[in-house]
Protein backbone atom coordinates (compact mmCIF):
# COMPACT_ATOMS: atom_id res chain seq x y z
CA UNK A 1 -68.65 92.63 -182.21
CA UNK A 2 -71.91 90.60 -182.17
CA UNK A 3 -70.97 88.31 -179.46
CA UNK A 4 -69.83 91.65 -177.27
CA UNK A 5 -73.71 92.99 -177.92
CA UNK A 6 -75.06 89.81 -176.62
CA UNK A 7 -73.15 89.90 -173.57
CA UNK A 8 -74.32 93.44 -172.97
CA UNK A 9 -77.70 92.25 -173.52
CA UNK A 10 -77.28 89.31 -171.13
CA UNK A 11 -75.81 92.00 -168.36
CA UNK A 12 -78.88 94.32 -169.08
CA UNK A 13 -80.98 91.16 -168.32
CA UNK A 14 -79.00 90.91 -164.79
CA UNK A 15 -79.88 94.43 -164.24
CA UNK A 16 -76.35 95.60 -165.08
CA UNK A 17 -75.29 98.30 -167.63
CA UNK A 18 -75.60 96.87 -170.69
CA UNK A 19 -71.78 96.52 -171.91
CA UNK A 20 -70.22 93.42 -173.22
CA UNK A 21 -66.80 92.21 -174.12
CA UNK A 22 -65.15 89.60 -176.11
CA UNK A 23 -61.35 88.88 -176.31
CA UNK A 24 -60.42 86.63 -179.55
CA UNK A 25 -56.91 85.21 -180.35
CA UNK A 26 -56.33 83.63 -183.82
CA UNK A 27 -59.94 83.91 -184.66
CA UNK A 28 -61.10 82.22 -181.59
CA UNK A 29 -63.12 83.51 -178.79
CA UNK A 30 -61.05 82.75 -175.83
CA UNK A 31 -63.27 85.05 -173.26
CA UNK A 32 -66.34 86.95 -173.08
CA UNK A 33 -68.29 88.88 -170.34
CA UNK A 34 -70.84 91.48 -169.61
CA UNK A 35 -70.73 94.09 -166.84
CA UNK A 36 -70.83 92.69 -163.66
CA UNK A 37 -70.33 95.34 -160.65
CA UNK A 38 -73.59 95.36 -159.03
CA UNK A 39 -74.22 91.29 -159.14
CA UNK A 40 -70.63 90.81 -157.90
CA UNK A 41 -70.67 93.82 -155.41
CA UNK A 42 -67.19 94.76 -157.26
CA UNK A 43 -66.39 98.28 -158.58
CA UNK A 44 -63.87 96.60 -161.18
CA UNK A 45 -65.90 94.27 -162.60
CA UNK A 46 -66.27 96.11 -165.79
CA UNK A 47 -67.05 93.91 -169.04
CA UNK A 48 -63.66 94.56 -170.20
CA UNK A 49 -61.84 93.66 -166.60
CA UNK A 50 -63.83 90.47 -166.37
CA UNK A 51 -62.91 89.35 -170.32
CA UNK A 52 -59.33 89.98 -169.43
CA UNK A 53 -59.47 88.03 -166.51
CA UNK A 54 -61.03 85.09 -168.24
CA UNK A 55 -58.90 85.49 -171.24
CA UNK A 56 -55.34 85.44 -169.09
CA UNK A 57 -56.96 82.46 -167.03
CA UNK A 58 -57.64 80.71 -170.52
CA UNK A 59 -54.20 81.19 -172.03
CA UNK A 60 -52.05 80.82 -168.49
CA UNK A 61 -50.57 84.00 -168.94
CA UNK A 62 -51.00 87.69 -167.98
CA UNK A 63 -49.81 88.98 -171.08
CA UNK A 64 -52.59 88.62 -174.12
CA UNK A 65 -50.02 89.02 -176.91
CA UNK A 66 -51.93 88.66 -180.17
CA UNK A 67 -55.18 88.91 -178.68
CA UNK A 68 -57.98 91.35 -179.78
CA UNK A 69 -60.76 92.88 -177.43
CA UNK A 70 -64.17 93.96 -178.76
CA UNK A 71 -66.15 96.02 -176.26
CA UNK A 72 -69.68 97.72 -176.73
CA UNK A 73 -68.53 101.13 -175.25
CA UNK A 74 -65.38 103.00 -175.00
CA UNK A 75 -63.15 101.73 -172.21
CA UNK A 76 -62.58 104.06 -168.98
CA UNK A 77 -59.40 104.63 -167.74
CA UNK A 78 -59.37 101.47 -165.43
CA UNK A 79 -59.98 99.44 -168.48
CA UNK A 80 -57.47 101.20 -170.85
CA UNK A 81 -55.09 100.45 -168.17
CA UNK A 82 -55.97 96.99 -167.91
CA UNK A 83 -55.70 96.79 -171.87
CA UNK A 84 -52.42 98.05 -171.99
CA UNK A 85 -50.90 96.04 -169.09
CA UNK A 86 -52.52 92.99 -170.80
CA UNK A 87 -50.72 93.82 -173.94
CA UNK A 88 -54.00 93.64 -176.12
CA UNK A 89 -53.11 93.89 -179.53
CA UNK A 90 -56.32 95.53 -181.14
CA UNK A 91 -59.23 97.26 -179.43
CA UNK A 92 -62.63 97.65 -181.07
CA UNK A 93 -65.18 99.48 -179.50
CA UNK A 94 -68.69 100.62 -180.60
CA UNK A 95 -70.24 103.47 -178.82
CA UNK A 96 -67.77 106.62 -177.99
CA UNK A 97 -67.97 107.98 -174.16
CA UNK A 98 -67.31 111.56 -174.13
CA UNK A 99 -68.02 111.58 -170.20
CA UNK A 100 -66.18 108.21 -168.93
CA UNK A 101 -64.10 107.09 -171.92
CA UNK A 102 -60.53 107.26 -171.72
CA UNK A 103 -59.34 105.89 -175.25
CA UNK A 104 -60.69 109.00 -177.73
CA UNK A 105 -62.15 111.34 -174.70
CA UNK A 106 -60.83 112.40 -171.47
CA UNK A 107 -57.25 111.29 -170.74
CA UNK A 108 -56.55 109.42 -173.94
CA UNK A 109 -54.95 107.03 -171.97
CA UNK A 110 -52.88 105.29 -174.76
CA UNK A 111 -51.57 108.67 -176.11
CA UNK A 112 -49.88 109.24 -172.69
CA UNK A 113 -46.06 108.91 -172.70
CA UNK A 114 -46.37 106.72 -169.21
CA UNK A 115 -48.50 104.17 -171.29
CA UNK A 116 -46.70 100.85 -171.43
CA UNK A 117 -48.67 99.51 -174.48
CA UNK A 118 -50.85 100.95 -176.79
CA UNK A 119 -53.29 98.71 -178.96
CA UNK A 120 -54.45 99.56 -182.46
CA UNK A 121 -57.88 101.50 -181.51
CA UNK A 122 -61.01 100.82 -184.10
CA UNK A 123 -64.06 102.95 -182.46
CA UNK A 124 -67.55 103.61 -184.08
CA UNK A 125 -68.53 99.77 -184.61
CA UNK A 126 -72.06 99.72 -184.71
CA UNK A 127 -71.95 102.66 -182.53
CA UNK A 128 -75.81 103.87 -183.12
CA UNK A 129 -77.07 100.48 -181.89
CA UNK A 130 -74.56 100.54 -178.70
CA UNK A 131 -75.71 104.14 -178.01
CA UNK A 132 -79.34 103.49 -178.23
CA UNK A 133 -78.99 100.61 -176.26
CA UNK A 134 -77.14 102.70 -173.21
CA UNK A 135 -79.56 105.60 -173.29
CA UNK A 136 -83.11 103.32 -173.21
CA UNK A 137 -81.04 101.24 -170.40
CA UNK A 138 -80.33 104.69 -168.17
CA UNK A 139 -83.90 106.15 -169.51
CA UNK A 140 -85.51 103.49 -167.54
CA UNK A 141 -83.58 103.80 -164.58
CA UNK A 142 -84.72 107.53 -164.23
């Protein structure tokens, strides 16, 4: 999770929302990314999506079986869909997102009968730190 926080801080330094993600397989980091939507002019360039793309390229497969994803904010519906389709084994996230989250809030994507694959989910890891980082970022924007 520390590497995901480092990616979040780097994203914030680029003017992006401070969200970071890391994909780990067999104890080895195979991908890491921070939000890039503004920088790339791409609304799908969330940290999770970018990390999943990088991990898939690294292993040469669209299925990330045996991979774990660490992210600093509860994934949205788009990212939850990508996590499911990638067959991520475990999802670890820091701060809950009562407005845009789709794992433990909103649509609770992985609990839907149409969900192809549901990872094990562990939320609230360093939640206070992640929430404070996000609050400070958005307060400065206002």
